[in-house]
Amino acid sequence: MLLTEAQLYAVRNPRFGKKLSASFGAIYDDLLGPIEYFQKQTGFHDASAKQLVLIGFALSHGLILHNLMDPVRYPSETVTDSIEFVFDRIFPQTK
């Protein structure tokens, strides 16, 4: 919840927004390399690495917020299963 509050504050306060964006940017940059490597190794290019990082951020953030808001309706197991469902479709395992 603190992250959401920080994001909302960042929208209203550009100076803080730059700092928070830099923090997210570091995580974003750390994730891009491994995803790009995966894409080179597998030939997967249905979505760019940048899109995949953003999808991961948005999906996990939104699902976690729902879980915090109503853990009975959106239990942790459902959140985890939902994230796995989406990424299993994006990155299907080859057998």
Protein backbone atom coordinates (compact mmCIF):
# COMPACT_ATOMS: atom_id res chain seq x y z
CA MET A 1 0.00 0.00 0.00
CA LEU A 2 2.92 2.30 0.70
CA LEU A 3 4.08 1.89 -2.87
CA THR A 4 0.70 2.97 -4.18
CA GLU A 5 0.71 5.98 -1.87
CA ALA A 6 4.20 6.86 -3.08
CA GLN A 7 3.11 6.58 -6.72
CA LEU A 8 0.10 8.82 -6.13
CA TYR A 9 2.30 11.35 -4.34
CA ALA A 10 4.80 11.19 -7.21
CA VAL A 11 2.05 12.19 -9.65
CA ARG A 12 1.33 15.29 -7.55
CA ASN A 13 4.94 16.13 -6.73
CA PRO A 14 7.26 16.10 -9.78
CA ARG A 15 10.43 16.35 -7.69
CA PHE A 16 9.52 13.23 -5.72
CA GLY A 17 8.27 11.66 -8.95
CA LYS A 18 11.73 11.90 -10.47
CA LYS A 19 13.25 10.16 -7.46
CA LEU A 20 10.67 7.39 -7.43
CA SER A 21 10.98 6.98 -11.17
CA ALA A 22 14.74 6.60 -10.80
CA SER A 23 14.20 3.82 -8.25
CA PHE A 24 11.77 2.03 -10.54
CA GLY A 25 14.12 2.69 -13.44
CA ALA A 26 16.87 0.76 -11.70
CA ILE A 27 14.61 -2.26 -11.23
CA TYR A 28 13.36 -1.90 -14.80
CA ASP A 29 16.93 -1.81 -16.12
CA ASP A 30 17.87 -4.87 -14.03
CA LEU A 31 14.98 -6.82 -15.56
CA LEU A 32 15.57 -5.80 -19.18
CA GLY A 33 18.90 -7.60 -19.55
CA PRO A 34 17.72 -11.07 -18.56
CA ILE A 35 14.56 -10.74 -20.63
CA GLU A 36 16.52 -9.60 -23.69
CA TYR A 37 18.92 -12.51 -23.16
CA PHE A 38 15.96 -14.91 -22.99
CA GLN A 39 14.60 -13.43 -26.22
CA LYS A 40 17.91 -13.90 -28.01
CA GLN A 41 18.21 -17.49 -26.80
CA THR A 42 14.65 -18.49 -27.67
CA GLY A 43 13.75 -16.23 -30.58
CA PHE A 44 10.71 -15.00 -28.63
CA HIS A 45 9.77 -11.58 -29.94
CA ASP A 46 5.97 -11.46 -29.59
CA ALA A 47 6.47 -8.53 -27.22
CA SER A 48 9.47 -6.32 -26.55
CA ALA A 49 11.46 -6.68 -23.35
CA LYS A 50 10.23 -3.20 -22.39
CA GLN A 51 6.62 -4.30 -22.82
CA LEU A 52 7.19 -7.42 -20.75
CA VAL A 53 8.72 -5.49 -17.85
CA LEU A 54 5.82 -3.03 -17.87
CA ILE A 55 3.28 -5.84 -18.05
CA GLY A 56 4.99 -7.53 -15.10
CA PHE A 57 4.97 -4.33 -13.04
CA ALA A 58 1.34 -3.51 -13.80
CA LEU A 59 0.02 -7.03 -13.43
CA SER A 60 1.72 -7.77 -10.14
CA HIS A 61 0.92 -4.35 -8.68
CA GLY A 62 -2.76 -4.53 -9.63
CA LEU A 63 -3.24 -8.08 -8.41
CA ILE A 64 -1.49 -7.38 -5.12
CA LEU A 65 -3.70 -4.33 -4.55
CA HIS A 66 -6.79 -6.45 -5.08
CA ASN A 67 -5.45 -8.99 -2.60
CA LEU A 68 -4.79 -6.30 0.00
CA MET A 69 -8.23 -4.79 -0.56
CA ASP A 70 -10.13 -8.07 -0.32
CA PRO A 71 -8.01 -11.11 0.61
CA VAL A 72 -11.07 -13.33 0.83
CA ARG A 73 -12.19 -12.68 -2.73
CA TYR A 74 -8.62 -12.35 -4.08
CA PRO A 75 -6.49 -14.70 -1.98
CA SER A 76 -2.71 -14.81 -2.35
CA GLU A 77 -2.92 -18.18 -4.11
CA THR A 78 -5.19 -16.70 -6.78
CA VAL A 79 -2.81 -13.78 -7.26
CA THR A 80 0.13 -16.15 -7.71
CA ASP A 81 -1.85 -18.45 -10.01
CA SER A 82 -2.96 -15.46 -12.10
CA ILE A 83 0.58 -14.17 -12.58
CA GLU A 84 1.75 -17.66 -13.51
CA PHE A 85 -1.17 -18.06 -15.92
CA VAL A 86 -0.29 -14.89 -17.82
CA PHE A 87 3.44 -15.54 -17.98
CA ASP A 88 2.97 -19.19 -18.87
CA ARG A 89 1.00 -17.95 -21.91
CA ILE A 90 3.66 -15.40 -22.80
CA PHE A 91 6.54 -17.82 -22.26
CA PRO A 92 5.18 -21.29 -22.93
CA GLN A 93 7.45 -24.10 -21.86
CA THR A 94 8.77 -26.13 -24.72
CA LYS A 95 8.69 -29.87 -24.26
